[in-house]
Amino acid sequence: MTEASRARILLVEDEESIRRFALRVLESAGYEVLLAPSAEEGLRAFDASLQPVGLLITDVTLPGRSGFELAADVVARRPDVRILFISGYGDRQHQESRSWILGAAFLGKPFTSAALVEAVAVVLEP
């Protein structure tokens, strides 16, 4: 297993079925995953994690604060954290995100297990 595949991932997604699916896929690929259903809970999990989070996967549209706001808070705390936005609304939001988070990636919903694993691997490449 490579160093990247041992990266701790924080997955913030308000849809339980997507959280469960992504958790199963990512753990099968060798990643350790923390889950949160909202930006607020995601930030708490990020701050409480005893080991550093290497990747934030967040839905763009969350109840309360958006995934963009969450990503900004995470990057303010640790600029080296990689960001993967997921959304069912298309690439327009991704283009907006790239204007302020260099290197942020986007994966449209719905996605397959192979597409998720590939996107994570690409984002975590050194």
Protein backbone atom coordinates (compact mmCIF):
# COMPACT_ATOMS: atom_id res chain seq x y z
CA MET A 1 0.00 0.00 0.00
CA THR A 2 1.40 3.39 -0.94
CA GLU A 3 1.64 6.38 1.38
CA ALA A 4 -1.20 8.06 -0.51
CA SER A 5 -3.47 5.05 -0.03
CA ARG A 6 -2.98 5.34 3.73
CA ALA A 7 -4.20 8.93 3.70
CA ARG A 8 -6.95 9.76 6.15
CA ILE A 9 -10.02 11.10 4.36
CA LEU A 10 -12.77 13.27 5.78
CA LEU A 11 -15.97 12.69 3.82
CA VAL A 12 -18.72 15.26 4.35
CA GLU A 13 -21.98 14.34 2.64
CA ASP A 14 -25.53 14.91 3.85
CA GLU A 15 -27.07 12.00 1.94
CA GLU A 16 -26.69 8.88 4.06
CA SER A 17 -26.79 6.46 1.11
CA ILE A 18 -23.92 8.28 -0.61
CA ARG A 19 -21.91 8.39 2.65
CA ARG A 20 -22.35 4.64 3.14
CA PHE A 21 -21.47 3.88 -0.50
CA ALA A 22 -18.35 6.08 -0.48
CA LEU A 23 -17.24 4.72 2.89
CA ARG A 24 -17.45 1.14 1.65
CA VAL A 25 -15.59 1.97 -1.58
CA LEU A 26 -12.84 4.00 0.08
CA GLU A 27 -12.22 1.55 2.91
CA SER A 28 -12.03 -1.29 0.36
CA ALA A 29 -9.35 0.75 -1.42
CA GLY A 30 -7.32 1.00 1.79
CA TYR A 31 -8.21 4.47 3.02
CA GLU A 32 -9.17 5.42 6.56
CA VAL A 33 -12.35 7.49 6.42
CA LEU A 34 -13.99 9.88 8.85
CA LEU A 35 -17.64 10.68 8.12
CA ALA A 36 -19.78 13.74 8.74
CA PRO A 37 -23.25 14.75 7.52
CA SER A 38 -22.71 18.52 7.67
CA ALA A 39 -20.01 21.16 7.37
CA GLU A 40 -20.17 21.92 11.10
CA GLU A 41 -19.74 18.25 12.07
CA GLY A 42 -17.05 17.85 9.43
CA LEU A 43 -15.02 20.72 10.86
CA ARG A 44 -15.39 19.26 14.36
CA ALA A 45 -14.17 15.88 13.09
CA PHE A 46 -11.25 17.55 11.30
CA ASP A 47 -10.22 19.43 14.45
CA ALA A 48 -10.65 16.37 16.69
CA SER A 49 -8.75 13.92 14.48
CA LEU A 50 -5.65 12.65 16.26
CA GLN A 51 -3.96 11.90 12.93
CA PRO A 52 -3.87 14.48 10.14
CA VAL A 53 -6.51 14.43 7.44
CA GLY A 54 -4.92 14.39 3.99
CA LEU A 55 -8.06 14.77 1.88
CA LEU A 56 -11.41 16.46 2.33
CA ILE A 57 -14.18 15.09 0.12
CA THR A 58 -17.20 17.34 0.47
CA ASP A 59 -20.52 17.81 -1.20
CA VAL A 60 -20.86 21.36 -2.47
CA THR A 61 -24.44 21.70 -1.24
CA LEU A 62 -24.83 20.92 2.46
CA PRO A 63 -27.37 21.98 5.04
CA GLY A 64 -26.24 25.17 6.77
CA ARG A 65 -22.76 26.01 5.52
CA SER A 66 -21.65 24.98 2.03
CA GLY A 67 -18.85 22.63 1.10
CA PHE A 68 -16.95 25.65 -0.25
CA GLU A 69 -17.11 27.31 3.18
CA LEU A 70 -16.01 24.09 4.86
CA ALA A 71 -13.09 23.72 2.46
CA ALA A 72 -12.02 27.31 3.13
CA ASP A 73 -12.00 26.63 6.89
CA VAL A 74 -10.03 23.41 6.45
CA VAL A 75 -7.45 25.01 4.14
CA ALA A 76 -7.10 27.94 6.57
CA ARG A 77 -6.19 25.43 9.28
CA ARG A 78 -3.98 23.22 7.09
CA PRO A 79 -3.10 24.55 3.61
CA ASP A 80 -1.69 21.18 2.51
CA VAL A 81 -5.03 19.34 2.73
CA ARG A 82 -6.25 18.21 -0.67
CA ILE A 83 -9.86 18.96 -1.67
CA LEU A 84 -12.30 16.92 -3.77
CA PHE A 85 -15.72 18.50 -4.29
CA ILE A 86 -18.65 16.26 -5.20
CA SER A 87 -21.92 17.56 -6.58
CA GLY A 88 -24.89 16.63 -8.68
CA TYR A 89 -25.10 20.17 -10.07
CA GLY A 90 -22.31 19.95 -12.62
CA ASP A 91 -18.96 21.46 -13.41
CA ARG A 92 -19.97 25.14 -13.09
CA GLN A 93 -19.58 24.94 -9.32
CA HIS A 94 -16.22 23.27 -9.78
CA GLN A 95 -14.98 26.16 -11.88
CA GLU A 96 -16.06 28.55 -9.13
CA SER A 97 -14.22 26.49 -6.52
CA ARG A 98 -10.97 26.46 -8.48
CA SER A 99 -10.83 30.22 -8.38
CA TRP A 100 -10.00 30.15 -4.66
CA ILE A 101 -8.69 26.67 -3.87
CA LEU A 102 -5.73 25.84 -6.04
CA GLY A 103 -5.74 22.20 -7.00
CA ALA A 104 -9.30 21.47 -5.89
CA ALA A 105 -10.84 18.67 -7.92
CA PHE A 106 -14.45 17.88 -8.81
CA LEU A 107 -16.40 14.64 -9.18
CA GLY A 108 -19.95 14.78 -10.45
CA LYS A 109 -22.75 12.71 -8.93
CA PRO A 110 -23.75 10.07 -9.50
CA PHE A 111 -20.34 8.42 -9.60
CA THR A 112 -19.17 4.83 -9.76
CA SER A 113 -16.87 3.18 -7.26
CA ALA A 114 -14.11 3.13 -9.88
CA ALA A 115 -14.55 6.85 -10.61
CA LEU A 116 -14.37 7.70 -6.90
CA VAL A 117 -11.22 5.66 -6.30
CA GLU A 118 -9.58 7.13 -9.41
CA ALA A 119 -10.48 10.71 -8.44
CA VAL A 120 -9.08 10.21 -4.94
CA ALA A 121 -5.87 8.69 -6.30
CA VAL A 122 -5.37 11.59 -8.71
CA VAL A 123 -6.01 14.21 -6.02
CA LEU A 124 -3.58 12.51 -3.63
CA GLU A 125 -0.78 12.15 -6.20
CA PRO A 126 2.34 13.94 -4.97
